[in-house]
């Protein structure tokens, strides 16, 4: 594996984490080989490349694997610095971007997953928590075009893949993100005007169909 040249991405089409990497690669105009993984029957390459977590996404650059999506995005930014900076040059602004990207990582996926997995009172509690998470992010966004101001960057890349899941969250938990966080919805629309995002994200209805399969798999339905 160490002798191979070029860039590969081990991924799954619906993964918001993998989509982060695809957006970053598109922003940097990096050519790469995409390898779709079957998570029910993981490839030897995936198990060898990420022996600790055995998860996608994994970026393999010249035979060397890089794991964990935010780590991969920052690696891409450093290796291909000449195109579209993802992290700001100012150390404080860079630290803030990493903080909020980490907040997205720790909060959005886990709580969002509970919206389609749970029922009854537990679902209501998850919904209230999720709305609070989004309002916290919306407050950080404020009136800015992107989280980093005029520049599309790390926090946008961290969060925008989850916007394709918003329809499923709303449908199963019975609420409207636009009513709760209209500025965040406007931000998502701006992000989707970028070619890197538009060609990476899937239609919310397709994600909803995928979530329906997950609900059956986990015995929710």
Protein backbone atom coordinates (compact mmCIF):
# COMPACT_ATOMS: atom_id res chain seq x y z
CA UNK A 1 0.00 0.00 0.00
CA UNK A 2 2.84 2.42 0.81
CA UNK A 3 4.11 2.39 -2.79
CA UNK A 4 0.82 3.50 -4.36
CA UNK A 5 0.64 7.04 -5.73
CA UNK A 6 -2.32 9.36 -5.99
CA UNK A 7 -5.42 9.99 -3.87
CA UNK A 8 -8.20 7.57 -2.91
CA UNK A 9 -11.23 8.13 -0.73
CA UNK A 10 -12.88 5.19 1.01
CA UNK A 11 -16.42 6.34 1.65
CA UNK A 12 -20.17 5.69 1.63
CA UNK A 13 -22.46 7.80 -0.58
CA UNK A 14 -24.80 8.90 2.22
CA UNK A 15 -22.16 9.64 4.85
CA UNK A 16 -22.14 13.30 5.92
CA UNK A 17 -18.61 12.70 7.19
CA UNK A 18 -17.41 11.44 3.84
CA UNK A 19 -19.20 14.30 2.11
CA UNK A 20 -17.06 16.73 4.09
CA UNK A 21 -13.98 15.21 2.49
CA UNK A 22 -15.54 15.24 -0.99
CA UNK A 23 -16.43 18.95 -0.62
CA UNK A 24 -12.90 19.78 0.53
CA UNK A 25 -11.34 17.84 -2.36
CA UNK A 26 -13.66 19.60 -4.80
CA UNK A 27 -12.79 23.02 -3.35
CA UNK A 28 -9.11 22.21 -3.88
CA UNK A 29 -9.76 20.70 -7.34
CA UNK A 30 -7.95 17.51 -6.35
CA UNK A 31 -8.48 14.48 -8.58
CA UNK A 32 -9.04 11.29 -6.66
CA UNK A 33 -10.34 7.74 -6.91
CA UNK A 34 -13.62 7.19 -5.08
CA UNK A 35 -14.13 3.74 -3.54
CA UNK A 36 -17.62 3.02 -2.19
CA UNK A 37 -17.55 0.81 0.89
CA UNK A 38 -20.10 -1.78 1.99
CA UNK A 39 -20.16 -1.30 5.75
CA UNK A 40 -21.77 -4.70 6.24
CA UNK A 41 -18.77 -6.30 4.52
CA UNK A 42 -15.84 -3.94 4.95
CA UNK A 43 -12.99 -4.20 2.48
CA UNK A 44 -9.54 -5.36 3.45
CA UNK A 45 -8.27 -1.95 2.36
CA UNK A 46 -10.56 -0.17 4.83
CA UNK A 47 -9.68 -2.51 7.72
CA UNK A 48 -5.99 -2.12 6.93
CA UNK A 49 -6.21 1.65 6.47
CA UNK A 50 -8.24 2.36 9.64
CA UNK A 51 -7.50 -0.55 12.00
CA UNK A 52 -8.44 1.45 15.11
CA UNK A 53 -12.01 2.52 14.27
CA UNK A 54 -12.62 0.54 11.05
CA UNK A 55 -14.80 3.41 9.78
CA UNK A 56 -15.15 5.55 6.69
CA UNK A 57 -14.08 8.00 5.48
CA UNK A 58 -10.41 7.29 4.94
CA UNK A 59 -8.25 9.36 2.62
CA UNK A 60 -5.28 7.47 1.19
CA UNK A 61 -2.63 9.82 -0.18
CA UNK A 62 0.37 8.18 -1.85
CA UNK A 63 -0.36 5.01 0.08
CA UNK A 64 -0.62 6.72 3.48
CA UNK A 65 -4.04 6.65 5.20
CA UNK A 66 -5.56 9.64 6.97
CA UNK A 67 -8.63 8.98 9.16
CA UNK A 68 -11.46 11.00 10.77
CA UNK A 69 -13.29 13.51 8.58
CA UNK A 70 -12.28 16.81 10.20
CA UNK A 71 -8.69 15.62 10.39
CA UNK A 72 -8.88 14.70 6.68
CA UNK A 73 -10.33 18.10 5.71
CA UNK A 74 -7.53 19.91 7.55
CA UNK A 75 -4.96 17.58 5.97
CA UNK A 76 -6.36 18.42 2.53
CA UNK A 77 -6.09 22.12 3.33
CA UNK A 78 -2.43 21.78 4.32
CA UNK A 79 -1.34 19.49 1.48
CA UNK A 80 -3.02 21.54 -1.27
CA UNK A 81 -2.64 25.12 0.04
CA UNK A 82 -2.74 26.97 -3.28
CA UNK A 83 -6.50 26.64 -3.87
CA UNK A 84 -9.31 28.06 -1.73
CA UNK A 85 -8.06 28.09 1.90
CA UNK A 86 -10.35 26.10 4.19
CA UNK A 87 -8.88 27.35 7.48
CA UNK A 88 -8.15 31.06 8.10
CA UNK A 89 -4.55 32.24 8.41
CA UNK A 90 -5.18 34.10 11.67
CA UNK A 91 -4.41 31.77 14.64
CA UNK A 92 -7.40 32.92 16.73
CA UNK A 93 -9.84 32.62 13.82
CA UNK A 94 -8.38 29.18 13.07
CA UNK A 95 -8.86 28.10 16.70
CA UNK A 96 -12.48 29.33 16.62
CA UNK A 97 -13.18 27.44 13.39
CA UNK A 98 -11.81 24.25 14.92
CA UNK A 99 -13.90 24.78 18.05
CA UNK A 100 -17.18 25.12 16.12
CA UNK A 101 -16.37 22.29 13.73
CA UNK A 102 -15.79 20.12 16.80
CA UNK A 103 -19.12 21.31 18.24
CA UNK A 104 -20.86 20.15 15.05
CA UNK A 105 -19.01 16.82 15.29
CA UNK A 106 -20.00 16.22 18.90
CA UNK A 107 -23.60 17.42 18.75
CA UNK A 108 -25.39 17.33 15.39
CA UNK A 109 -24.97 13.72 14.25
CA UNK A 110 -25.63 12.05 17.59
CA UNK A 111 -28.70 14.11 18.41
CA UNK A 112 -29.98 14.01 14.83
CA UNK A 113 -29.77 10.21 14.85
CA UNK A 114 -32.02 10.11 17.91
CA UNK A 115 -34.69 12.02 15.96
CA UNK A 116 -35.29 9.08 13.63
CA UNK A 117 -34.48 6.30 16.12
CA UNK A 118 -36.62 7.26 19.11
CA UNK A 119 -40.32 7.64 19.89
CA UNK A 120 -42.51 9.26 22.52
CA UNK A 121 -41.03 11.33 25.32
CA UNK A 122 -37.43 10.45 24.39
CA UNK A 123 -38.06 11.80 20.88
CA UNK A 124 -39.49 15.04 22.27
CA UNK A 125 -36.44 15.51 24.47
CA UNK A 126 -34.13 14.87 21.51
CA UNK A 127 -36.09 17.35 19.39
CA UNK A 128 -35.76 20.08 22.02
CA UNK A 129 -32.03 19.39 22.32
CA UNK A 130 -31.56 19.41 18.54
CA UNK A 131 -33.35 22.74 18.15
CA UNK A 132 -31.13 24.20 20.89
CA UNK A 133 -28.02 22.93 19.05
CA UNK A 134 -29.18 24.55 15.81
CA UNK A 135 -30.01 27.82 17.57
CA UNK A 136 -26.53 27.82 19.12
CA UNK A 137 -25.01 27.39 15.66
CA UNK A 138 -27.32 30.04 14.20
CA UNK A 139 -26.22 32.50 16.90
CA UNK A 140 -22.58 31.86 15.96
CA UNK A 141 -23.41 32.36 12.27
CA UNK A 142 -25.22 35.62 12.99
CA UNK A 143 -25.60 37.79 9.88
CA UNK A 144 -22.44 36.47 8.22
CA UNK A 145 -22.51 34.90 4.76
CA UNK A 146 -20.60 31.86 6.02
CA UNK A 147 -19.39 30.86 9.48
CA UNK A 148 -16.00 32.34 8.67
CA UNK A 149 -17.46 35.59 7.32
CA UNK A 150 -17.19 36.02 3.55
CA UNK A 151 -15.09 32.87 3.21
CA UNK A 152 -16.52 29.34 2.93
CA UNK A 153 -14.47 27.24 5.33
CA UNK A 154 -14.11 24.47 7.89
CA UNK A 155 -17.31 25.01 9.90
CA UNK A 156 -19.42 25.26 6.73
CA UNK A 157 -17.87 22.05 5.41
CA UNK A 158 -18.45 20.34 8.78
CA UNK A 159 -22.14 21.25 8.96
CA UNK A 160 -23.53 21.51 5.44
CA UNK A 161 -23.70 17.74 4.71
CA UNK A 162 -26.22 17.37 7.54
CA UNK A 163 -28.61 19.77 5.80
CA UNK A 164 -29.58 16.94 3.44
CA UNK A 165 -30.78 15.10 6.54
CA UNK A 166 -32.88 18.01 7.81
CA UNK A 167 -36.00 16.83 5.94
CA UNK A 168 -35.77 13.42 7.64
CA UNK A 169 -35.22 14.98 11.07
CA UNK A 170 -38.24 17.24 10.56
CA UNK A 171 -40.46 14.45 9.22
CA UNK A 172 -39.82 12.01 12.05
CA UNK A 173 -39.68 14.54 14.88
CA UNK A 174 -42.50 16.82 13.66
CA UNK A 175 -41.01 20.30 13.49
CA UNK A 176 -39.76 22.88 10.98
CA UNK A 177 -36.12 23.93 10.96
CA UNK A 178 -36.99 26.95 8.81
CA UNK A 179 -39.45 28.16 11.46
CA UNK A 180 -36.91 27.62 14.23
CA UNK A 181 -33.72 28.75 12.48
CA UNK A 182 -34.44 30.65 9.25
CA UNK A 183 -30.93 32.15 9.03
CA UNK A 184 -29.41 28.68 9.13
CA UNK A 185 -31.68 27.54 6.29
CA UNK A 186 -30.66 30.61 4.24
CA UNK A 187 -27.01 29.79 4.93
CA UNK A 188 -27.57 26.22 3.70
CA UNK A 189 -29.06 27.54 0.44
CA UNK A 190 -26.01 29.77 -0.07
CA UNK A 191 -23.69 26.84 0.51
CA UNK A 192 -25.58 24.74 -2.03
CA UNK A 193 -24.91 27.39 -4.68
CA UNK A 194 -21.25 26.36 -4.53
CA UNK A 195 -20.30 23.73 -7.10
CA UNK A 196 -18.38 21.70 -4.51
CA UNK A 197 -21.48 21.35 -2.33
CA UNK A 198 -24.06 21.01 -5.11
CA UNK A 199 -22.28 18.06 -6.70
CA UNK A 200 -21.65 16.31 -3.37
CA UNK A 201 -24.93 16.46 -1.43
CA UNK A 202 -27.85 14.18 -2.23
CA UNK A 203 -31.47 15.22 -2.48
CA UNK A 204 -33.19 15.20 0.96
CA UNK A 205 -35.83 12.76 -0.35
CA UNK A 206 -33.09 10.26 -1.30
CA UNK A 207 -31.57 10.57 2.17
CA UNK A 208 -35.07 10.15 3.64
CA UNK A 209 -35.45 6.88 1.73
CA UNK A 210 -32.08 5.75 3.12
CA UNK A 211 -33.16 6.69 6.66
CA UNK A 212 -36.34 4.64 6.14
CA UNK A 213 -34.16 1.58 5.47
CA UNK A 214 -32.14 2.35 8.61
CA UNK A 215 -35.33 2.55 10.68
CA UNK A 216 -36.34 -0.91 9.47
CA UNK A 217 -32.84 -2.24 10.11
CA UNK A 218 -32.89 -0.98 13.71
CA UNK A 219 -36.48 -2.10 14.31
CA UNK A 220 -37.90 1.40 14.72
CA UNK A 221 -40.74 0.67 12.29
